[in-house]
Amino acid sequence: MDTVASHGSWEAALRASGGACDAVERMLSNEDRTAFCAFRPPGHHAERERAMGFCLTNHVAIAAEHARSLGVERVLIFDWDVHHGNGTEEIFKASSAVLYASIHQSPLYPGTGDISYSGEGEGEGFTVNLPVPAGSGNELFRALVDHVVLPIAREHRPGLIAISAGFDAHEADPLASCRVTEDGFGAMAAAMTAVAAELKAPLLVCLEGGYDPRALGASVVATLEGMGDERQLLPESDESLAEPYRGRLRAHWPV
């Protein structure tokens, strides 16, 4: 009921997922090492059998499975959209090949993403939920990237890193209450680009949410700039902000 479709929606969704798969193919053939896919509709709320949250098909999930069909053993999906990517979590909850890590505001739509949930069966430990309270900004997002997501990436050693890049955690966005700025998104992008280069893994970035046009445009530009210079010097993030999360994750990861 929350996902309206028009005559052209299905073709748009197929082209968006196909574009992400095309980017994966180009990167795995060493044609490129990074890609930003600016498609609509977004994808991370779409589950295996249900469209929701403006999403019809889950582009990042489809691209991850496509990469695995081409020989990539492990994929890391990092989701910084302000809403939890319940669809991506549902699709890979029992997989140890695809690790899903998400920073998201809580409580907020769709109501999933509790830190206590870490996957099921063979996928136990490969769902890393990092819920943050309303008002969280660059400092906490940066700390969770630097001191949780990056160490887990180094341990998981993925052959592809994919980012669900929603920009609705921006301080100007009307649908949530986080306080991230363009600089914060750029810094997260630079950190993820650096770890991708370190691990010799291609980096795929797919557009998700973002509902203030000016903030969305500026944040995308900052992300592209961050992807373009992974060697840029960034101010150190506050490790102590990540410690409450790290304590909950140490049963599965050396963070």
C-alpha atoms as a PDB file:
ATOM      1  CA  MET A   1       0.000   0.000   0.000  1.00  0.00           C
ATOM      2  CA  ASP A   2       2.960   2.356   0.488  1.00  0.00           C
ATOM      3  CA  THR A   3       4.433   1.667  -2.959  1.00  0.00           C
ATOM      4  CA  VAL A   4       2.539   3.290  -5.813  1.00  0.00           C
ATOM      5  CA  ALA A   5       3.234   2.011  -9.331  1.00  0.00           C
ATOM      6  CA  SER A   6       2.590   3.644 -12.697  1.00  0.00           C
ATOM      7  CA  HIS A   7       2.591   2.225 -16.214  1.00  0.00           C
ATOM      8  CA  GLY A   8       6.363   2.588 -16.516  1.00  0.00           C
ATOM      9  CA  SER A   9       7.384   1.517 -13.005  1.00  0.00           C
ATOM     10  CA  TRP A  10       8.213  -2.117 -13.754  1.00  0.00           C
ATOM     11  CA  GLU A  11      10.462  -1.287 -16.696  1.00  0.00           C
ATOM     12  CA  ALA A  12      12.176   1.400 -14.610  1.00  0.00           C
ATOM     13  CA  ALA A  13      12.797  -1.096 -11.816  1.00  0.00           C
ATOM     14  CA  LEU A  14      14.182  -3.703 -14.226  1.00  0.00           C
ATOM     15  CA  ARG A  15      16.494  -1.146 -15.817  1.00  0.00           C
ATOM     16  CA  ALA A  16      17.722  -0.024 -12.390  1.00  0.00           C
ATOM     17  CA  SER A  17      18.531  -3.577 -11.312  1.00  0.00           C
ATOM     18  CA  GLY A  18      20.037  -4.290 -14.721  1.00  0.00           C
ATOM     19  CA  GLY A  19      22.175  -1.184 -14.494  1.00  0.00           C
ATOM     20  CA  ALA A  20      23.597  -2.324 -11.161  1.00  0.00           C
ATOM     21  CA  CYS A  21      24.369  -5.738 -12.676  1.00  0.00           C
ATOM     22  CA  ASP A  22      26.022  -4.078 -15.678  1.00  0.00           C
ATOM     23  CA  ALA A  23      28.195  -2.041 -13.312  1.00  0.00           C
ATOM     24  CA  VAL A  24      29.237  -5.249 -11.530  1.00  0.00           C
ATOM     25  CA  GLU A  25      30.215  -6.856 -14.833  1.00  0.00           C
ATOM     26  CA  ARG A  26      32.293  -3.830 -15.842  1.00  0.00           C
ATOM     27  CA  MET A  27      34.111  -3.741 -12.526  1.00  0.00           C
ATOM     28  CA  LEU A  28      34.792  -7.475 -12.401  1.00  0.00           C
ATOM     29  CA  SER A  29      36.283  -7.252 -15.890  1.00  0.00           C
ATOM     30  CA  ASN A  30      38.599  -4.499 -14.536  1.00  0.00           C
ATOM     31  CA  GLU A  31      37.014  -1.928 -16.837  1.00  0.00           C
ATOM     32  CA  ASP A  32      36.311   0.195 -13.741  1.00  0.00           C
ATOM     33  CA  ARG A  33      36.863  -0.217  -9.998  1.00  0.00           C
ATOM     34  CA  THR A  34      34.088   2.022  -8.678  1.00  0.00           C
ATOM     35  CA  ALA A  35      30.558   2.744  -9.881  1.00  0.00           C
ATOM     36  CA  PHE A  36      27.724   5.016  -8.754  1.00  0.00           C
ATOM     37  CA  CYS A  37      24.265   3.964  -9.989  1.00  0.00           C
ATOM     38  CA  ALA A  38      21.821   6.888  -9.825  1.00  0.00           C
ATOM     39  CA  PHE A  39      18.595   5.034 -10.512  1.00  0.00           C
ATOM     40  CA  ARG A  40      14.982   5.255  -9.427  1.00  0.00           C
ATOM     41  CA  PRO A  41      13.020   3.607  -7.919  1.00  0.00           C
ATOM     42  CA  PRO A  42      15.169   2.704  -4.903  1.00  0.00           C
ATOM     43  CA  GLY A  43      15.467  -0.915  -3.830  1.00  0.00           C
ATOM     44  CA  HIS A  44      16.504  -1.846  -0.294  1.00  0.00           C
ATOM     45  CA  HIS A  45      12.996  -2.339   1.151  1.00  0.00           C
ATOM     46  CA  ALA A  46      11.995  -4.864  -1.530  1.00  0.00           C
ATOM     47  CA  GLU A  47      11.915  -8.398  -0.127  1.00  0.00           C
ATOM     48  CA  ARG A  48      11.981 -11.667  -2.085  1.00  0.00           C
ATOM     49  CA  GLU A  49       8.208 -11.703  -2.533  1.00  0.00           C
ATOM     50  CA  ARG A  50       7.020  -8.227  -1.554  1.00  0.00           C
ATOM     51  CA  ALA A  51       7.454  -4.685  -2.838  1.00  0.00           C
ATOM     52  CA  MET A  52       7.369  -1.976  -0.174  1.00  0.00           C
ATOM     53  CA  GLY A  53       8.792   1.374   0.859  1.00  0.00           C
ATOM     54  CA  PHE A  54       8.852   2.815  -2.709  1.00  0.00           C
ATOM     55  CA  CYS A  55      10.916  -0.238  -3.786  1.00  0.00           C
ATOM     56  CA  LEU A  56       9.926  -2.818  -6.415  1.00  0.00           C
ATOM     57  CA  THR A  57      13.157  -4.787  -6.938  1.00  0.00           C
ATOM     58  CA  ASN A  58      16.188  -4.842  -4.667  1.00  0.00           C
ATOM     59  CA  HIS A  59      18.997  -3.592  -6.912  1.00  0.00           C
ATOM     60  CA  VAL A  60      21.881  -4.121  -4.483  1.00  0.00           C
ATOM     61  CA  ALA A  61      20.719  -7.630  -3.600  1.00  0.00           C
ATOM     62  CA  ILE A  62      20.324  -8.582  -7.256  1.00  0.00           C
ATOM     63  CA  ALA A  63      23.750  -7.133  -8.073  1.00  0.00           C
ATOM     64  CA  ALA A  64      25.290  -9.078  -5.178  1.00  0.00           C
ATOM     65  CA  GLU A  65      23.788 -12.342  -6.414  1.00  0.00           C
ATOM     66  CA  HIS A  66      24.916 -11.520  -9.950  1.00  0.00           C
ATOM     67  CA  ALA A  67      28.460 -10.989  -8.694  1.00  0.00           C
ATOM     68  CA  ARG A  68      28.332 -14.339  -6.914  1.00  0.00           C
ATOM     69  CA  SER A  69      27.149 -16.023 -10.119  1.00  0.00           C
ATOM     70  CA  LEU A  70      30.273 -14.588 -11.778  1.00  0.00           C
ATOM     71  CA  GLY A  71      32.615 -16.112  -9.203  1.00  0.00           C
ATOM     72  CA  VAL A  72      32.702 -13.615  -6.319  1.00  0.00           C
ATOM     73  CA  GLU A  73      32.693 -15.664  -3.116  1.00  0.00           C
ATOM     74  CA  ARG A  74      31.817 -12.984  -0.568  1.00  0.00           C
ATOM     75  CA  VAL A  75      29.986  -9.648  -0.744  1.00  0.00           C
ATOM     76  CA  LEU A  76      29.656  -6.876   1.826  1.00  0.00           C
ATOM     77  CA  ILE A  77      26.545  -4.700   1.571  1.00  0.00           C
ATOM     78  CA  PHE A  78      26.734  -1.536   3.685  1.00  0.00           C
ATOM     79  CA  ASP A  79      23.522   0.474   3.993  1.00  0.00           C
ATOM     80  CA  TRP A  80      23.663   4.064   5.270  1.00  0.00           C
ATOM     81  CA  ASP A  81      20.077   4.978   4.331  1.00  0.00           C
ATOM     82  CA  VAL A  82      18.276   6.391   7.369  1.00  0.00           C
ATOM     83  CA  HIS A  83      15.652   3.628   7.054  1.00  0.00           C
ATOM     84  CA  HIS A  84      16.613   0.027   7.745  1.00  0.00           C
ATOM     85  CA  GLY A  85      16.942  -2.080   4.602  1.00  0.00           C
ATOM     86  CA  ASN A  86      14.543  -4.805   5.707  1.00  0.00           C
ATOM     87  CA  GLY A  87      14.437  -6.264   2.204  1.00  0.00           C
ATOM     88  CA  THR A  88      18.188  -6.773   1.963  1.00  0.00           C
ATOM     89  CA  GLU A  89      18.220  -8.264   5.450  1.00  0.00           C
ATOM     90  CA  GLU A  90      15.365 -10.642   4.602  1.00  0.00           C
ATOM     91  CA  ILE A  91      16.991 -11.817   1.391  1.00  0.00           C
ATOM     92  CA  PHE A  92      20.372 -12.612   2.953  1.00  0.00           C
ATOM     93  CA  LYS A  93      19.460 -13.419   6.566  1.00  0.00           C
ATOM     94  CA  ALA A  94      20.540 -17.062   6.196  1.00  0.00           C
ATOM     95  CA  SER A  95      23.632 -16.414   4.053  1.00  0.00           C
ATOM     96  CA  SER A  96      27.232 -16.337   5.232  1.00  0.00           C
ATOM     97  CA  ALA A  97      28.393 -15.268   1.762  1.00  0.00           C
ATOM     98  CA  VAL A  98      26.679 -11.867   1.847  1.00  0.00           C
ATOM     99  CA  LEU A  99      27.264  -9.746   4.937  1.00  0.00           C
ATOM    100  CA  TYR A 100      24.710  -6.979   5.495  1.00  0.00           C
ATOM    101  CA  ALA A 101      25.606  -4.013   7.731  1.00  0.00           C
ATOM    102  CA  SER A 102      23.197  -1.120   8.258  1.00  0.00           C
ATOM    103  CA  ILE A 103      23.296   2.219  10.077  1.00  0.00           C
ATOM    104  CA  HIS A 104      19.722   3.478  10.445  1.00  0.00           C
ATOM    105  CA  GLN A 105      17.572   5.640  12.687  1.00  0.00           C
ATOM    106  CA  SER A 106      15.466   3.764  15.227  1.00  0.00           C
ATOM    107  CA  PRO A 107      12.588   3.843  15.892  1.00  0.00           C
ATOM    108  CA  LEU A 108      11.559   4.594  12.313  1.00  0.00           C
ATOM    109  CA  TYR A 109       9.957   2.919   9.303  1.00  0.00           C
ATOM    110  CA  PRO A 110       9.900  -0.043   8.657  1.00  0.00           C
ATOM    111  CA  GLY A 111      10.408  -0.982  12.309  1.00  0.00           C
ATOM    112  CA  THR A 112      13.091  -3.623  11.709  1.00  0.00           C
ATOM    113  CA  GLY A 113      16.841  -3.585  12.309  1.00  0.00           C
ATOM    114  CA  ASP A 114      17.212  -4.204  16.029  1.00  0.00           C
ATOM    115  CA  ILE A 115      20.825  -4.627  17.115  1.00  0.00           C
ATOM    116  CA  SER A 116      19.950  -7.982  18.685  1.00  0.00           C
ATOM    117  CA  TYR A 117      19.085  -9.534  15.317  1.00  0.00           C
ATOM    118  CA  SER A 118      22.157 -10.996  13.625  1.00  0.00           C
ATOM    119  CA  GLY A 119      20.794 -13.410  11.018  1.00  0.00           C
ATOM    120  CA  GLU A 120      19.683 -17.032  11.007  1.00  0.00           C
ATOM    121  CA  GLY A 121      21.205 -20.454  10.421  1.00  0.00           C
ATOM    122  CA  GLU A 122      24.388 -20.247   8.374  1.00  0.00           C
ATOM    123  CA  GLY A 123      23.898 -16.491   8.284  1.00  0.00           C
ATOM    124  CA  GLU A 124      24.106 -16.039  12.049  1.00  0.00           C
ATOM    125  CA  GLY A 125      26.430 -13.099  12.644  1.00  0.00           C
ATOM    126  CA  PHE A 126      26.323 -11.883   9.042  1.00  0.00           C
ATOM    127  CA  THR A 127      23.604  -9.299   9.699  1.00  0.00           C
ATOM    128  CA  VAL A 128      25.070  -6.307  11.527  1.00  0.00           C
ATOM    129  CA  ASN A 129      22.406  -3.832  12.600  1.00  0.00           C
ATOM    130  CA  LEU A 130      23.602  -0.483  13.967  1.00  0.00           C
ATOM    131  CA  PRO A 131      20.486   1.502  14.977  1.00  0.00           C
ATOM    132  CA  VAL A 132      21.075   5.121  15.992  1.00  0.00           C
ATOM    133  CA  PRO A 133      18.751   7.555  17.779  1.00  0.00           C
ATOM    134  CA  ALA A 134      17.113  10.598  16.244  1.00  0.00           C
ATOM    135  CA  GLY A 135      19.522  13.522  16.143  1.00  0.00           C
ATOM    136  CA  SER A 136      22.559  11.381  15.287  1.00  0.00           C
ATOM    137  CA  GLY A 137      24.969  13.107  12.938  1.00  0.00           C
ATOM    138  CA  ASN A 138      28.379  12.906  11.309  1.00  0.00           C
ATOM    139  CA  GLU A 139      30.203  11.970  14.506  1.00  0.00           C
ATOM    140  CA  LEU A 140      28.269   8.765  15.257  1.00  0.00           C
ATOM    141  CA  PHE A 141      27.903   7.677  11.627  1.00  0.00           C
ATOM    142  CA  ARG A 142      31.662   8.182  11.080  1.00  0.00           C
ATOM    143  CA  ALA A 143      32.548   6.313  14.276  1.00  0.00           C
ATOM    144  CA  LEU A 144      30.407   3.330  13.300  1.00  0.00           C
ATOM    145  CA  VAL A 145      31.970   3.218   9.838  1.00  0.00           C
ATOM    146  CA  ASP A 146      35.541   3.545  11.083  1.00  0.00           C
ATOM    147  CA  HIS A 147      35.349   1.297  14.145  1.00  0.00           C
ATOM    148  CA  VAL A 148      32.695  -1.272  13.196  1.00  0.00           C
ATOM    149  CA  VAL A 149      32.101  -1.511   9.444  1.00  0.00           C
ATOM    150  CA  LEU A 150      35.752  -1.222   8.350  1.00  0.00           C
ATOM    151  CA  PRO A 151      37.116  -3.839  10.798  1.00  0.00           C
ATOM    152  CA  ILE A 152      34.327  -6.241   9.808  1.00  0.00           C
ATOM    153  CA  ALA A 153      35.074  -5.636   6.123  1.00  0.00           C
ATOM    154  CA  ARG A 154      38.739  -6.476   6.677  1.00  0.00           C
ATOM    155  CA  GLU A 155      37.777  -9.686   8.461  1.00  0.00           C
ATOM    156  CA  HIS A 156      35.127 -10.709   5.901  1.00  0.00           C
ATOM    157  CA  ARG A 157      37.391  -9.898   2.926  1.00  0.00           C
ATOM    158  CA  PRO A 158      34.654  -9.438   0.321  1.00  0.00           C
ATOM    159  CA  GLY A 159      35.257  -9.632  -3.415  1.00  0.00           C
ATOM    160  CA  LEU A 160      32.683  -6.858  -3.878  1.00  0.00           C
ATOM    161  CA  ILE A 161      31.576  -4.019  -1.611  1.00  0.00           C
ATOM    162  CA  ALA A 162      28.149  -2.551  -2.332  1.00  0.00           C
ATOM    163  CA  ILE A 163      26.679   0.514  -0.627  1.00  0.00           C
ATOM    164  CA  SER A 164      22.963   1.227  -0.364  1.00  0.00           C
ATOM    165  CA  ALA A 165      23.438   4.985  -0.410  1.00  0.00           C
ATOM    166  CA  GLY A 166      20.339   6.704   0.856  1.00  0.00           C
ATOM    167  CA  PHE A 167      20.719  10.373   1.717  1.00  0.00           C
ATOM    168  CA  ASP A 168      17.669  10.761   3.954  1.00  0.00           C
ATOM    169  CA  ALA A 169      19.879  10.863   7.056  1.00  0.00           C
ATOM    170  CA  HIS A 170      20.742  14.409   5.927  1.00  0.00           C
ATOM    171  CA  GLU A 171      19.838  17.121   8.404  1.00  0.00           C
ATOM    172  CA  ALA A 172      17.497  18.776   5.858  1.00  0.00           C
ATOM    173  CA  ASP A 173      15.558  15.638   4.923  1.00  0.00           C
ATOM    174  CA  PRO A 174      11.846  15.758   5.830  1.00  0.00           C
ATOM    175  CA  LEU A 175      11.269  12.024   6.435  1.00  0.00           C
ATOM    176  CA  ALA A 176      13.642  11.431   9.358  1.00  0.00           C
ATOM    177  CA  SER A 177      15.501  13.188  12.159  1.00  0.00           C
ATOM    178  CA  CYS A 178      19.214  12.498  11.747  1.00  0.00           C
ATOM    179  CA  ARG A 179      21.779  15.280  11.305  1.00  0.00           C
ATOM    180  CA  VAL A 180      24.297  14.026   8.750  1.00  0.00           C
ATOM    181  CA  THR A 181      25.706  16.648   6.342  1.00  0.00           C
ATOM    182  CA  GLU A 182      27.315  16.463   2.919  1.00  0.00           C
ATOM    183  CA  ASP A 183      30.721  16.313   4.603  1.00  0.00           C
ATOM    184  CA  GLY A 184      29.614  13.266   6.554  1.00  0.00           C
ATOM    185  CA  PHE A 185      28.501  11.392   3.461  1.00  0.00           C
ATOM    186  CA  GLY A 186      31.706  12.324   1.666  1.00  0.00           C
ATOM    187  CA  ALA A 187      33.805  11.075   4.570  1.00  0.00           C
ATOM    188  CA  MET A 188      31.936   7.756   4.733  1.00  0.00           C
ATOM    189  CA  ALA A 189      32.366   7.325   0.980  1.00  0.00           C
ATOM    190  CA  ALA A 190      36.096   8.037   1.204  1.00  0.00           C
ATOM    191  CA  ALA A 191      36.517   5.533   4.043  1.00  0.00           C
ATOM    192  CA  MET A 192      34.655   2.804   2.150  1.00  0.00           C
ATOM    193  CA  THR A 193      36.580   3.549  -1.046  1.00  0.00           C
ATOM    194  CA  ALA A 194      39.844   3.247   0.862  1.00  0.00           C
ATOM    195  CA  VAL A 195      38.963  -0.126   2.384  1.00  0.00           C
ATOM    196  CA  ALA A 196      37.748  -1.374  -1.015  1.00  0.00           C
ATOM    197  CA  ALA A 197      41.116  -0.425  -2.511  1.00  0.00           C
ATOM    198  CA  GLU A 198      42.920  -2.060   0.410  1.00  0.00           C
ATOM    199  CA  LEU A 199      40.992  -5.297  -0.138  1.00  0.00           C
ATOM    200  CA  LYS A 200      41.239  -5.009  -3.947  1.00  0.00           C
ATOM    201  CA  ALA A 201      37.442  -5.209  -4.135  1.00  0.00           C
ATOM    202  CA  PRO A 202      35.289  -3.241  -6.586  1.00  0.00           C
ATOM    203  CA  LEU A 203      32.954  -0.683  -4.992  1.00  0.00           C
ATOM    204  CA  LEU A 204      29.340  -0.420  -6.170  1.00  0.00           C
ATOM    205  CA  VAL A 205      27.199   2.462  -4.860  1.00  0.00           C
ATOM    206  CA  CYS A 206      23.445   2.441  -5.534  1.00  0.00           C
ATOM    207  CA  LEU A 207      21.140   5.361  -4.825  1.00  0.00           C
ATOM    208  CA  GLU A 208      18.411   4.710  -2.261  1.00  0.00           C
ATOM    209  CA  GLY A 209      16.349   7.343  -0.413  1.00  0.00           C
ATOM    210  CA  GLY A 210      16.679  11.116  -0.250  1.00  0.00           C
ATOM    211  CA  TYR A 211      13.725  13.498  -0.213  1.00  0.00           C
ATOM    212  CA  ASP A 212      15.132  17.019  -0.054  1.00  0.00           C
ATOM    213  CA  PRO A 213      16.301  17.772  -3.620  1.00  0.00           C
ATOM    214  CA  ARG A 214      19.039  20.250  -2.697  1.00  0.00           C
ATOM    215  CA  ALA A 215      20.431  18.075   0.091  1.00  0.00           C
ATOM    216  CA  LEU A 216      20.218  14.990  -2.112  1.00  0.00           C
ATOM    217  CA  GLY A 217      22.138  16.616  -4.953  1.00  0.00           C
ATOM    218  CA  ALA A 218      24.828  18.054  -2.713  1.00  0.00           C
ATOM    219  CA  SER A 219      25.241  14.750  -0.858  1.00  0.00           C
ATOM    220  CA  VAL A 220      25.590  12.774  -4.080  1.00  0.00           C
ATOM    221  CA  VAL A 221      28.300  15.193  -5.248  1.00  0.00           C
ATOM    222  CA  ALA A 222      30.113  14.833  -1.907  1.00  0.00           C
ATOM    223  CA  THR A 223      29.889  11.046  -2.173  1.00  0.00           C
ATOM    224  CA  LEU A 224      31.339  11.073  -5.682  1.00  0.00           C
ATOM    225  CA  GLU A 225      34.162  13.308  -4.492  1.00  0.00           C
ATOM    226  CA  GLY A 226      34.837  10.918  -1.612  1.00  0.00           C
ATOM    227  CA  MET A 227      34.904   7.982  -4.012  1.00  0.00           C
ATOM    228  CA  GLY A 228      37.363   9.862  -6.194  1.00  0.00           C
ATOM    229  CA  ASP A 229      40.032  10.318  -3.530  1.00  0.00           C
ATOM    230  CA  GLU A 230      40.238   7.512  -1.001  1.00  0.00           C
ATOM    231  CA  ARG A 231      43.591   8.874   0.175  1.00  0.00           C
ATOM    232  CA  GLN A 232      42.211  12.153   1.473  1.00  0.00           C
ATOM    233  CA  LEU A 233      43.071  12.887   5.094  1.00  0.00           C
ATOM    234  CA  LEU A 234      39.994  12.705   7.303  1.00  0.00           C
ATOM    235  CA  PRO A 235      39.688  13.863  10.913  1.00  0.00           C
ATOM    236  CA  GLU A 236      39.765  10.964  13.344  1.00  0.00           C
ATOM    237  CA  SER A 237      36.375   9.772  14.550  1.00  0.00           C
ATOM    238  CA  ASP A 238      35.594   9.208  18.218  1.00  0.00           C
ATOM    239  CA  GLU A 239      36.128   5.501  18.865  1.00  0.00           C
ATOM    240  CA  SER A 240      34.261   5.655  22.179  1.00  0.00           C
ATOM    241  CA  LEU A 241      30.993   6.380  20.344  1.00  0.00           C
ATOM    242  CA  ALA A 242      31.180   2.972  18.687  1.00  0.00           C
ATOM    243  CA  GLU A 243      32.016   1.009  21.842  1.00  0.00           C
ATOM    244  CA  PRO A 244      28.414   0.217  22.914  1.00  0.00           C
ATOM    245  CA  TYR A 245      27.833  -1.350  19.500  1.00  0.00           C
ATOM    246  CA  ARG A 246      31.147  -3.179  19.394  1.00  0.00           C
ATOM    247  CA  GLY A 247      30.420  -4.843  22.698  1.00  0.00           C
ATOM    248  CA  ARG A 248      27.271  -6.401  21.234  1.00  0.00           C
ATOM    249  CA  LEU A 249      29.070  -7.631  18.116  1.00  0.00           C
ATOM    250  CA  ARG A 250      32.160  -9.244  19.604  1.00  0.00           C
ATOM    251  CA  ALA A 251      30.468 -12.643  19.774  1.00  0.00           C
ATOM    252  CA  HIS A 252      30.842 -12.743  15.998  1.00  0.00           C
ATOM    253  CA  TRP A 253      33.481 -10.195  14.961  1.00  0.00           C
ATOM    254  CA  PRO A 254      36.837  -8.930  16.311  1.00  0.00           C
ATOM    255  CA  VAL A 255      35.801  -5.279  16.533  1.00  0.00           C
END
